[in-house]
Amino acid sequence: MTDTENAATDAPERPIRDEDGAIDATLVEQVSQALLLSDLTTLRAVVADMHEADLGALLEALDPEERTRLISLLGRDFDFTALTEVDDSVREEILETLSPETVAEGVRDLDTDDAVYILEDLDEADKQEVLDRLTPAERIVLQQGLDYPEGSAGRRMQSEILAVPAFWTVGQTIDHLRQTDDLPERFFEILVADPAHHFVGSVPLDRLLRTRRPVEIATLVDEDSRSVKATDDIEDVARLFQRYNLIAVPVVDEASRLVGVVTIDDIVDVIEEAADDDVKQLGGVNADEELSDPVREIARSRFSWLFVNLFTSFLAAAVMSLFEAQLSQVVALAILAPVVASQGGNAATQTMTVAVRALATQELGGWNLRRFVTREMIVGLINGVGFALITGLVAALWFGSQGLGVVIAIAMVVNLLAAAMAGVAIPVLLDRFGIDPAVASGTFVTTVTDVVGFFSFLGVAAIWLAHA
């Protein structure tokens, strides 16, 4: 054994993640040094048994040129599944630097869902180059997944499935599982199909293993077995998993023939991606923005909504200009007006967030929309009255004017009620017109609360000054 191998063997095992869950900085430095020295022994010792999620985090922590060098040095020892765990921009950057032969060799041993996930972002020419280097059987399976619409169950499914005929016995099925080498890596139930490969139902593994060998599979089929079509939206499939506590669901084509299976690990990713997109879009950020994106691209993507916000801000300023005379008479109005508008904006954002999420999860249907609106209006009224008392008292003591306290109290109630209505109505209307409420709601809701806040406060103030 060489000195390098002895050092790698005798070295204490380093932690992969630090206390905050990030990839350990010392580990990253060790890998960088090994790459610099082309120390393949150390690289294999560190990376060989690393989980794909940790390997993905390591790739993101390395410099761009180090990522490609790591993959090249490791060769077949590199787990291409790690590319499903990195940001899209990092994955695309890595794939651009690798040869079609390397990519083809890397995806050959992956589950079809992971292979399709890696290949789908390549341009058509590069994608075809990779596919041409696979065997016909491998190419047909991957092409089938790539032909399904983006965001569909067909794109996320594994084509490797375990299906048996209904007339088999439990003993035959167990023997088949023990003797067959090309089974899916992990499975949670046995799918049952007829001779034409139409989906009949499924048998959970625990039920199979608890049943005597002579019993026919047909008697064990779960009557509540569910399936989805390959063209179904994957977020709808995710809601099915949430609603019925599924672990896996078979995928069928238009003729109800089995073509694959979607498993819970993919659905967890779908749910996380959907929640991540909603959070970003509510803040006016492009859903595709990632931490690894370059500054210029981020600035360009954020500019559009900031530009829209600029115009809505001018609209709110125009409302204030209508009360220029009152503002010049009482400086306190200029000081307090933003308080009313800001409080309304915050309240509307709270309601809007709940409404957008309820629409995304299909919980805000026609039957409970009126109840939701009523609830939010009552909440708005309660909070409006509460903050009216607080702000009215503060304004009266601060500026020594009971009349000013009454003015801001009335405006606070009006604006918080408007905030509750806008926070529900705007997302619902946008959704009815086919516009993603997560993207557009924030700007319009803020505009409504600013305009109503300034108009209600300064309008009531104008009446107060006229009778003072």
Protein backbone atom coordinates (compact mmCIF):
# COMPACT_ATOMS: atom_id res chain seq x y z
CA MET A 1 0.00 0.00 0.00
CA THR A 2 1.37 3.45 -0.91
CA ASP A 3 1.94 6.30 1.54
CA THR A 4 -0.99 8.19 0.02
CA GLU A 5 -3.30 5.20 0.46
CA ASN A 6 -2.11 4.74 4.06
CA ALA A 7 -2.79 8.42 4.78
CA ALA A 8 -6.26 8.16 3.30
CA THR A 9 -7.00 5.01 5.28
CA ASP A 10 -5.61 6.23 8.60
CA ALA A 11 -7.12 9.73 8.42
CA PRO A 12 -10.03 10.27 10.80
CA GLU A 13 -13.43 10.44 9.14
CA ARG A 14 -14.35 14.06 8.49
CA PRO A 15 -17.90 15.38 8.98
CA ILE A 16 -19.73 15.98 5.71
CA ARG A 17 -22.04 18.71 7.03
CA ASP A 18 -21.45 21.42 9.61
CA GLU A 19 -23.84 22.33 12.44
CA ASP A 20 -25.90 24.53 10.11
CA GLY A 21 -26.39 21.74 7.58
CA ALA A 22 -24.01 23.23 4.99
CA ILE A 23 -21.26 21.16 3.41
CA ASP A 24 -18.21 21.20 5.69
CA ALA A 25 -15.67 23.85 4.61
CA THR A 26 -12.70 21.67 5.58
CA LEU A 27 -14.04 18.87 3.40
CA VAL A 28 -14.40 21.25 0.46
CA GLU A 29 -10.82 22.42 0.96
CA GLN A 30 -9.59 18.81 1.12
CA VAL A 31 -11.32 17.96 -2.17
CA SER A 32 -10.01 21.15 -3.83
CA GLN A 33 -6.46 20.25 -2.78
CA ALA A 34 -6.87 16.69 -4.06
CA LEU A 35 -8.14 18.03 -7.40
CA LEU A 36 -5.16 20.35 -7.65
CA LEU A 37 -2.79 17.43 -7.09
CA SER A 38 -4.85 14.96 -9.17
CA ASP A 39 -4.93 12.79 -6.04
CA LEU A 40 -7.47 10.21 -7.19
CA THR A 41 -6.98 8.00 -4.11
CA THR A 42 -8.03 10.77 -1.73
CA LEU A 43 -10.94 11.77 -3.96
CA ARG A 44 -12.26 8.23 -4.01
CA ALA A 45 -11.83 7.89 -0.25
CA VAL A 46 -13.78 11.10 0.37
CA VAL A 47 -16.44 10.94 -2.35
CA ALA A 48 -16.97 7.24 -3.10
CA ASP A 49 -19.61 6.51 -0.44
CA MET A 50 -21.06 10.02 -0.27
CA HIS A 51 -24.83 10.32 -0.62
CA GLU A 52 -25.94 12.04 -3.82
CA ALA A 53 -27.42 14.95 -1.85
CA ASP A 54 -24.08 15.57 -0.11
CA LEU A 55 -22.20 15.13 -3.38
CA GLY A 56 -24.50 17.69 -4.98
CA ALA A 57 -23.80 20.15 -2.16
CA LEU A 58 -20.07 19.55 -2.63
CA LEU A 59 -20.35 20.27 -6.36
CA GLU A 60 -22.09 23.58 -5.65
CA ALA A 61 -19.36 24.54 -3.16
CA LEU A 62 -16.53 23.90 -5.65
CA ASP A 63 -15.37 26.34 -8.30
CA PRO A 64 -16.81 25.72 -11.80
CA GLU A 65 -13.57 24.32 -13.23
CA GLU A 66 -13.17 22.04 -10.18
CA ARG A 67 -16.59 20.50 -10.73
CA THR A 68 -15.73 19.29 -14.21
CA ARG A 69 -12.32 18.05 -13.08
CA LEU A 70 -13.90 16.07 -10.22
CA ILE A 71 -16.27 14.30 -12.62
CA SER A 72 -13.47 13.62 -15.13
CA LEU A 73 -11.08 12.19 -12.53
CA LEU A 74 -13.67 9.97 -10.88
CA GLY A 75 -15.00 8.65 -14.18
CA ARG A 76 -17.43 5.77 -13.54
CA ASP A 77 -17.01 6.28 -9.79
CA PHE A 78 -18.92 9.57 -10.05
CA ASP A 79 -22.61 9.19 -9.21
CA PHE A 80 -24.53 11.21 -11.82
CA THR A 81 -27.58 11.19 -9.54
CA ALA A 82 -25.83 14.06 -7.72
CA LEU A 83 -26.65 16.30 -10.70
CA THR A 84 -30.33 16.07 -9.75
CA GLU A 85 -29.46 17.63 -6.38
CA VAL A 86 -27.80 20.85 -7.64
CA ASP A 87 -29.26 24.15 -8.85
CA ASP A 88 -30.42 24.15 -12.47
CA SER A 89 -27.79 26.70 -13.47
CA VAL A 90 -25.00 24.61 -11.92
CA ARG A 91 -26.24 21.45 -13.63
CA GLU A 92 -26.50 23.18 -17.02
CA GLU A 93 -23.00 24.63 -16.60
CA ILE A 94 -21.57 21.20 -15.78
CA LEU A 95 -23.35 19.47 -18.67
CA GLU A 96 -22.07 22.09 -21.12
CA THR A 97 -18.47 21.18 -20.23
CA LEU A 98 -18.91 17.39 -20.44
CA SER A 99 -18.71 15.41 -23.65
CA PRO A 100 -21.84 13.59 -24.91
CA GLU A 101 -20.01 10.29 -24.31
CA THR A 102 -19.44 11.16 -20.64
CA VAL A 103 -23.06 12.21 -20.11
CA ALA A 104 -24.39 9.12 -21.89
CA GLU A 105 -22.21 6.87 -19.75
CA GLY A 106 -23.31 8.71 -16.61
CA VAL A 107 -27.09 8.51 -17.20
CA ARG A 108 -26.98 4.91 -18.42
CA ASP A 109 -27.11 3.47 -14.90
CA LEU A 110 -29.64 5.94 -13.48
CA ASP A 111 -33.35 5.41 -12.88
CA THR A 112 -35.28 6.81 -15.82
CA ASP A 113 -36.79 9.66 -13.79
CA ASP A 114 -33.33 10.89 -12.77
CA ALA A 115 -31.93 10.47 -16.29
CA VAL A 116 -34.83 12.41 -17.83
CA TYR A 117 -34.47 15.12 -15.19
CA ILE A 118 -30.81 15.59 -16.16
CA LEU A 119 -31.37 15.50 -19.92
CA GLU A 120 -34.51 17.63 -20.20
CA ASP A 121 -32.70 20.97 -19.85
CA LEU A 122 -30.20 20.24 -22.65
CA ASP A 123 -30.85 21.84 -26.02
CA GLU A 124 -32.19 19.48 -28.67
CA ALA A 125 -28.89 18.98 -30.47
CA ASP A 126 -26.95 18.06 -27.31
CA LYS A 127 -29.81 15.90 -26.08
CA GLN A 128 -29.87 13.97 -29.34
CA GLU A 129 -26.10 13.49 -29.25
CA VAL A 130 -26.38 11.89 -25.81
CA LEU A 131 -29.32 9.69 -26.82
CA ASP A 132 -27.50 8.51 -29.95
CA ARG A 133 -24.74 7.08 -27.75
CA LEU A 134 -27.16 4.86 -25.80
CA THR A 135 -28.41 1.44 -26.81
CA PRO A 136 -31.75 1.39 -28.69
CA ALA A 137 -33.56 -0.01 -25.64
CA GLU A 138 -32.12 2.67 -23.33
CA ARG A 139 -32.84 5.41 -25.87
CA ILE A 140 -36.49 4.40 -26.36
CA VAL A 141 -37.20 4.47 -22.61
CA LEU A 142 -35.62 7.89 -22.09
CA GLN A 143 -37.17 9.36 -25.23
CA GLN A 144 -40.58 8.24 -24.01
CA GLY A 145 -40.12 10.21 -20.79
CA LEU A 146 -38.78 13.27 -22.63
CA ASP A 147 -41.75 13.23 -25.03
CA TYR A 148 -44.22 13.86 -22.22
CA PRO A 149 -45.07 17.52 -21.44
CA GLU A 150 -42.84 19.41 -19.03
CA GLY A 151 -44.31 19.33 -15.52
CA SER A 152 -46.26 16.13 -16.21
CA ALA A 153 -46.26 12.85 -14.32
CA GLY A 154 -44.60 11.21 -17.33
CA ARG A 155 -41.52 13.39 -16.85
CA ARG A 156 -41.18 12.37 -13.18
CA MET A 157 -42.01 8.68 -13.40
CA GLN A 158 -39.67 5.71 -13.23
CA SER A 159 -40.15 3.43 -16.22
CA GLU A 160 -38.74 0.51 -14.22
CA ILE A 161 -41.83 -1.15 -12.76
CA LEU A 162 -42.67 -4.46 -11.13
CA ALA A 163 -45.93 -5.91 -12.47
CA VAL A 164 -47.29 -9.46 -12.22
CA PRO A 165 -50.46 -11.13 -13.60
CA ALA A 166 -53.47 -11.50 -11.30
CA PHE A 167 -53.53 -15.32 -11.65
CA TRP A 168 -50.08 -15.74 -10.11
CA THR A 169 -49.86 -17.02 -6.55
CA VAL A 170 -48.05 -15.36 -3.69
CA GLY A 171 -45.37 -18.06 -3.92
CA GLN A 172 -44.78 -17.45 -7.64
CA THR A 173 -44.51 -13.74 -7.03
CA ILE A 174 -42.00 -14.07 -4.18
CA ASP A 175 -39.91 -16.52 -6.21
CA HIS A 176 -39.96 -14.05 -9.11
CA LEU A 177 -38.70 -11.27 -6.83
CA ARG A 178 -35.84 -13.47 -5.58
CA GLN A 179 -34.77 -14.74 -8.99
CA THR A 180 -35.03 -11.61 -11.16
CA ASP A 181 -31.99 -9.36 -11.37
CA ASP A 182 -33.40 -6.30 -13.21
CA LEU A 183 -36.01 -5.25 -10.64
CA PRO A 184 -36.42 -1.60 -9.62
CA GLU A 185 -33.89 -0.59 -6.98
CA ARG A 186 -36.66 0.14 -4.47
CA PHE A 187 -40.37 -0.63 -4.56
CA PHE A 188 -43.17 -0.55 -2.03
CA GLU A 189 -45.93 -2.52 -3.71
CA ILE A 190 -46.51 -5.09 -6.44
CA LEU A 191 -48.46 -3.81 -9.44
CA VAL A 192 -50.97 -6.16 -11.02
CA ALA A 193 -51.69 -6.05 -14.77
CA ASP A 194 -53.82 -8.02 -17.22
CA PRO A 195 -52.32 -9.74 -20.31
CA ALA A 196 -52.59 -6.46 -22.29
CA HIS A 197 -50.59 -4.70 -19.53
CA HIS A 198 -53.61 -2.69 -18.36
CA PHE A 199 -53.42 -1.67 -14.72
CA VAL A 200 -55.64 -3.81 -12.49
CA GLY A 201 -54.53 -2.79 -9.00
CA SER A 202 -51.68 -3.10 -6.53
CA VAL A 203 -50.67 -5.28 -3.61
CA PRO A 204 -48.71 -3.73 -0.71
CA LEU A 205 -45.55 -5.63 0.16
CA ASP A 206 -46.62 -6.14 3.78
CA ARG A 207 -49.85 -7.83 2.65
CA LEU A 208 -47.93 -10.02 0.20
CA LEU A 209 -45.40 -11.19 2.79
CA ARG A 210 -48.08 -11.97 5.39
CA THR A 211 -50.08 -14.21 3.02
CA ARG A 212 -49.53 -17.94 2.42
CA ARG A 213 -47.87 -19.03 -0.80
CA PRO A 214 -50.84 -20.78 -2.52
CA VAL A 215 -53.11 -17.69 -2.38
CA GLU A 216 -53.76 -15.97 -5.73
CA ILE A 217 -52.60 -12.38 -6.17
CA ALA A 218 -56.06 -11.44 -7.46
CA THR A 219 -57.51 -11.90 -3.97
CA LEU A 220 -54.99 -9.44 -2.47
CA VAL A 221 -55.46 -6.53 -4.86
CA ASP A 222 -56.15 -3.28 -3.02
CA GLU A 223 -59.62 -2.10 -4.01
CA ASP A 224 -58.61 1.52 -3.41
CA SER A 225 -55.63 1.35 -5.79
CA ARG A 226 -55.17 4.63 -7.60
CA SER A 227 -53.36 5.49 -10.80
CA VAL A 228 -52.57 8.70 -12.67
CA LYS A 229 -52.17 9.44 -16.35
CA ALA A 230 -48.74 10.23 -17.73
CA THR A 231 -50.05 13.59 -18.97
CA ASP A 232 -51.43 14.66 -15.56
CA ASP A 233 -49.85 17.73 -13.99
CA ILE A 234 -47.27 16.60 -11.45
CA GLU A 235 -48.52 19.13 -8.87
CA ASP A 236 -51.99 17.55 -9.10
CA VAL A 237 -50.32 14.19 -8.52
CA ALA A 238 -48.52 15.64 -5.50
CA ARG A 239 -51.85 16.73 -4.02
CA LEU A 240 -53.10 13.16 -4.52
CA PHE A 241 -50.13 11.91 -2.49
CA GLN A 242 -50.88 14.45 0.26
CA ARG A 243 -54.59 13.71 0.34
CA TYR A 244 -54.37 9.91 0.46
CA ASN A 245 -50.96 9.40 2.16
CA LEU A 246 -49.52 7.54 -0.82
CA ILE A 247 -45.99 6.18 -1.09
CA ALA A 248 -46.12 5.37 -4.81
CA VAL A 249 -48.68 5.60 -7.58
CA PRO A 250 -48.63 3.79 -10.96
CA VAL A 251 -48.68 5.85 -14.17
CA VAL A 252 -50.78 4.77 -17.16
CA ASP A 253 -51.08 5.99 -20.74
CA GLU A 254 -54.29 7.00 -22.50
CA ALA A 255 -55.16 3.33 -23.01
CA SER A 256 -54.70 2.59 -19.27
CA ARG A 257 -51.53 0.57 -19.92
CA LEU A 258 -48.82 0.70 -17.27
CA VAL A 259 -45.89 2.89 -18.32
CA GLY A 260 -44.22 3.76 -15.01
CA VAL A 261 -44.54 4.71 -11.37
CA VAL A 262 -44.13 7.95 -9.41
CA THR A 263 -42.63 7.55 -5.93
CA ILE A 264 -42.73 9.67 -2.80
CA ASP A 265 -39.10 10.84 -3.10
CA ASP A 266 -39.95 12.60 -6.37
CA ILE A 267 -43.14 14.05 -4.90
CA VAL A 268 -41.25 15.55 -1.96
CA ASP A 269 -39.11 17.41 -4.51
CA VAL A 270 -42.23 18.56 -6.37
CA ILE A 271 -43.84 19.90 -3.19
CA GLU A 272 -40.64 21.68 -2.20
CA GLU A 273 -40.26 23.21 -5.66
CA ALA A 274 -43.89 24.39 -5.70
CA ALA A 275 -43.58 25.99 -2.26
CA ASP A 276 -40.27 27.57 -3.25
CA ASP A 277 -41.82 29.00 -6.43
CA ASP A 278 -44.80 30.44 -4.52
CA VAL A 279 -42.58 32.16 -1.95
CA LYS A 280 -40.39 33.69 -4.65
CA GLN A 281 -43.27 34.81 -6.81
CA LEU A 282 -45.10 36.41 -3.89
CA GLY A 283 -42.00 38.59 -3.47
CA GLY A 284 -41.85 39.47 -7.15
CA VAL A 285 -38.86 37.20 -7.76
CA ASN A 286 -38.55 34.92 -10.78
CA ALA A 287 -39.42 31.35 -9.75
CA ASP A 288 -36.31 30.08 -11.56
CA GLU A 289 -33.92 32.33 -9.62
CA GLU A 290 -31.30 30.40 -7.66
CA LEU A 291 -28.42 31.26 -5.35
CA SER A 292 -25.93 30.24 -8.01
CA ASP A 293 -27.32 32.60 -10.69
CA PRO A 294 -25.01 35.40 -11.92
CA VAL A 295 -25.62 38.99 -10.75
CA ARG A 296 -26.53 40.33 -14.20
CA GLU A 297 -29.22 37.68 -14.73
CA ILE A 298 -30.75 38.28 -11.29
CA ALA A 299 -30.81 42.05 -11.76
CA ARG A 300 -32.51 41.70 -15.15
CA SER A 301 -35.17 39.28 -13.89
CA ARG A 302 -36.08 41.48 -10.91
CA PHE A 303 -36.18 44.73 -12.89
CA SER A 304 -39.56 44.11 -14.55
CA TRP A 305 -41.63 43.88 -11.36
CA LEU A 306 -39.70 46.74 -9.77
CA PHE A 307 -40.60 48.77 -12.87
CA VAL A 308 -44.30 47.95 -12.38
CA ASN A 309 -43.99 48.88 -8.70
CA LEU A 310 -42.54 52.23 -9.71
CA PHE A 311 -45.68 53.11 -11.65
CA THR A 312 -47.98 52.01 -8.84
CA SER A 313 -45.94 54.14 -6.44
CA PHE A 314 -46.51 57.14 -8.69
CA LEU A 315 -50.24 56.35 -8.57
CA ALA A 316 -50.16 56.49 -4.76
CA ALA A 317 -48.16 59.71 -4.94
CA ALA A 318 -50.78 61.15 -7.30
CA VAL A 319 -53.46 60.48 -4.67
CA MET A 320 -51.41 62.39 -2.10
CA SER A 321 -51.00 65.30 -4.51
CA LEU A 322 -54.79 65.73 -4.56
CA PHE A 323 -54.54 66.79 -0.91
CA GLU A 324 -51.56 69.11 -1.30
CA ALA A 325 -53.40 71.99 0.40
CA GLN A 326 -54.25 69.93 3.48
CA LEU A 327 -50.69 68.55 3.69
CA SER A 328 -49.28 72.06 3.60
CA GLN A 329 -51.66 73.15 6.40
CA VAL A 330 -50.93 70.29 8.78
CA VAL A 331 -47.44 68.73 8.58
CA ALA A 332 -48.60 65.89 10.81
CA LEU A 333 -50.69 64.53 7.93
CA ALA A 334 -47.55 63.94 5.86
CA ILE A 335 -45.92 62.19 8.82
CA LEU A 336 -48.86 59.90 9.61
CA ALA A 337 -50.13 59.04 6.11
CA PRO A 338 -47.44 56.37 5.47
CA VAL A 339 -48.38 54.69 8.80
CA VAL A 340 -51.91 54.00 7.54
CA ALA A 341 -50.74 52.81 4.10
CA SER A 342 -47.98 50.61 5.53
CA GLN A 343 -50.25 48.92 8.07
CA GLY A 344 -52.80 48.20 5.35
CA GLY A 345 -50.11 46.78 3.09
CA ASN A 346 -48.86 44.42 5.79
CA ALA A 347 -52.38 43.23 6.63
CA ALA A 348 -53.18 42.67 2.96
CA THR A 349 -50.00 40.66 2.47
CA GLN A 350 -51.02 38.34 5.31
CA THR A 351 -54.44 37.71 3.77
CA MET A 352 -53.02 37.44 0.25
CA THR A 353 -50.45 34.84 1.34
CA VAL A 354 -53.14 32.60 2.82
CA ALA A 355 -55.39 33.07 -0.22
CA VAL A 356 -52.65 32.34 -2.78
CA ARG A 357 -51.57 29.21 -0.92
CA ALA A 358 -55.19 28.02 -0.62
CA LEU A 359 -55.69 28.53 -4.36
CA ALA A 360 -52.46 26.67 -5.13
CA THR A 361 -53.56 23.67 -3.04
CA GLN A 362 -57.15 23.85 -4.37
CA GLU A 363 -58.55 24.42 -0.89
CA LEU A 364 -60.30 27.69 -1.77
CA GLY A 365 -63.23 26.33 -3.76
CA GLY A 366 -66.64 27.86 -4.40
CA TRP A 367 -68.20 26.20 -1.37
CA ASN A 368 -65.88 27.87 1.16
CA LEU A 369 -64.94 31.11 -0.63
CA ARG A 370 -67.73 33.09 1.04
CA ARG A 371 -66.75 31.73 4.45
CA PHE A 372 -63.12 32.67 3.84
CA VAL A 373 -64.05 36.20 2.74
CA THR A 374 -66.30 36.64 5.77
CA ARG A 375 -63.59 35.40 8.11
CA GLU A 376 -60.97 37.74 6.66
CA MET A 377 -63.34 40.74 6.77
CA ILE A 378 -64.09 40.08 10.45
CA VAL A 379 -60.36 39.72 11.17
CA GLY A 380 -59.75 42.97 9.29
CA LEU A 381 -62.45 44.73 11.31
CA ILE A 382 -61.14 43.46 14.65
CA ASN A 383 -57.55 44.41 13.85
CA GLY A 384 -58.71 47.69 12.32
CA VAL A 385 -60.50 48.70 15.49
CA GLY A 386 -57.58 47.56 17.64
CA PHE A 387 -54.99 49.52 15.68
CA ALA A 388 -57.39 52.47 15.35
CA LEU A 389 -57.41 52.80 19.14
CA ILE A 390 -53.62 52.49 19.34
CA THR A 391 -52.73 54.85 16.48
CA GLY A 392 -55.48 57.31 17.42
CA LEU A 393 -54.17 57.56 20.98
CA VAL A 394 -50.53 57.88 19.84
CA ALA A 395 -51.39 60.57 17.25
CA ALA A 396 -53.50 62.55 19.73
CA LEU A 397 -50.74 62.53 22.38
CA TRP A 398 -47.92 63.11 19.88
CA PHE A 399 -49.45 66.12 18.12
CA GLY A 400 -51.78 67.27 20.89
CA SER A 401 -54.89 66.97 18.70
CA GLN A 402 -57.84 64.74 19.48
CA GLY A 403 -59.28 65.46 16.02
CA LEU A 404 -56.15 64.10 14.33
CA GLY A 405 -56.43 60.97 16.47
CA VAL A 406 -60.00 60.42 15.31
CA VAL A 407 -58.98 60.97 11.66
CA ILE A 408 -56.23 58.33 11.69
CA ALA A 409 -58.43 55.92 13.67
CA ILE A 410 -61.19 56.08 11.03
CA ALA A 411 -58.65 55.71 8.22
CA MET A 412 -57.07 52.70 9.93
CA VAL A 413 -60.38 50.83 10.13
CA VAL A 414 -61.22 51.63 6.49
CA ASN A 415 -57.82 50.58 5.18
CA LEU A 416 -57.61 47.31 7.09
CA LEU A 417 -61.06 46.35 5.82
CA ALA A 418 -59.92 47.24 2.28
CA ALA A 419 -56.75 45.23 2.84
CA ALA A 420 -58.75 42.14 3.80
CA MET A 421 -60.99 42.47 0.75
CA ALA A 422 -58.09 43.11 -1.65
CA GLY A 423 -56.04 40.29 -0.17
CA VAL A 424 -58.77 37.83 -1.13
CA ALA A 425 -60.38 39.39 -4.20
CA ILE A 426 -57.24 40.11 -6.22
CA PRO A 427 -55.73 36.57 -6.07
CA VAL A 428 -59.15 35.01 -6.78
CA LEU A 429 -59.82 37.30 -9.78
CA LEU A 430 -56.35 36.74 -11.21
CA ASP A 431 -56.82 32.98 -10.83
CA ARG A 432 -60.21 33.17 -12.62
CA PHE A 433 -58.56 34.97 -15.57
CA GLY A 434 -55.82 32.34 -15.80
CA ILE A 435 -53.08 34.57 -14.35
CA ASP A 436 -50.82 33.08 -11.68
CA PRO A 437 -51.90 34.90 -8.47
CA ALA A 438 -48.53 34.19 -6.83
CA VAL A 439 -46.79 36.30 -9.48
CA ALA A 440 -49.09 39.31 -9.85
CA SER A 441 -51.01 39.68 -6.58
CA GLY A 442 -48.37 41.51 -4.54
CA THR A 443 -48.09 44.55 -6.77
CA PHE A 444 -51.85 45.08 -7.14
CA VAL A 445 -52.63 44.47 -3.48
CA THR A 446 -49.97 46.99 -2.38
CA THR A 447 -51.37 49.54 -4.81
CA VAL A 448 -54.90 49.13 -3.43
CA THR A 449 -53.83 49.54 0.19
CA ASP A 450 -51.61 52.54 -0.60
CA VAL A 451 -54.32 54.31 -2.59
CA VAL A 452 -57.11 53.49 -0.11
CA GLY A 453 -54.87 54.31 2.84
CA PHE A 454 -53.81 57.71 1.56
CA PHE A 455 -57.27 58.56 0.22
CA SER A 456 -59.15 57.54 3.37
CA PHE A 457 -56.73 59.29 5.73
CA LEU A 458 -56.31 62.49 3.75
CA GLY A 459 -59.96 62.53 2.68
CA VAL A 460 -61.21 62.33 6.27
CA ALA A 461 -58.53 64.86 7.22
CA ALA A 462 -59.84 67.28 4.56
CA ILE A 463 -63.35 67.03 6.02
CA TRP A 464 -61.97 67.56 9.53
CA LEU A 465 -59.98 70.63 8.49
CA ALA A 466 -62.98 72.05 6.63
CA HIS A 467 -65.05 71.98 9.82
CA ALA A 468 -62.28 72.84 12.23
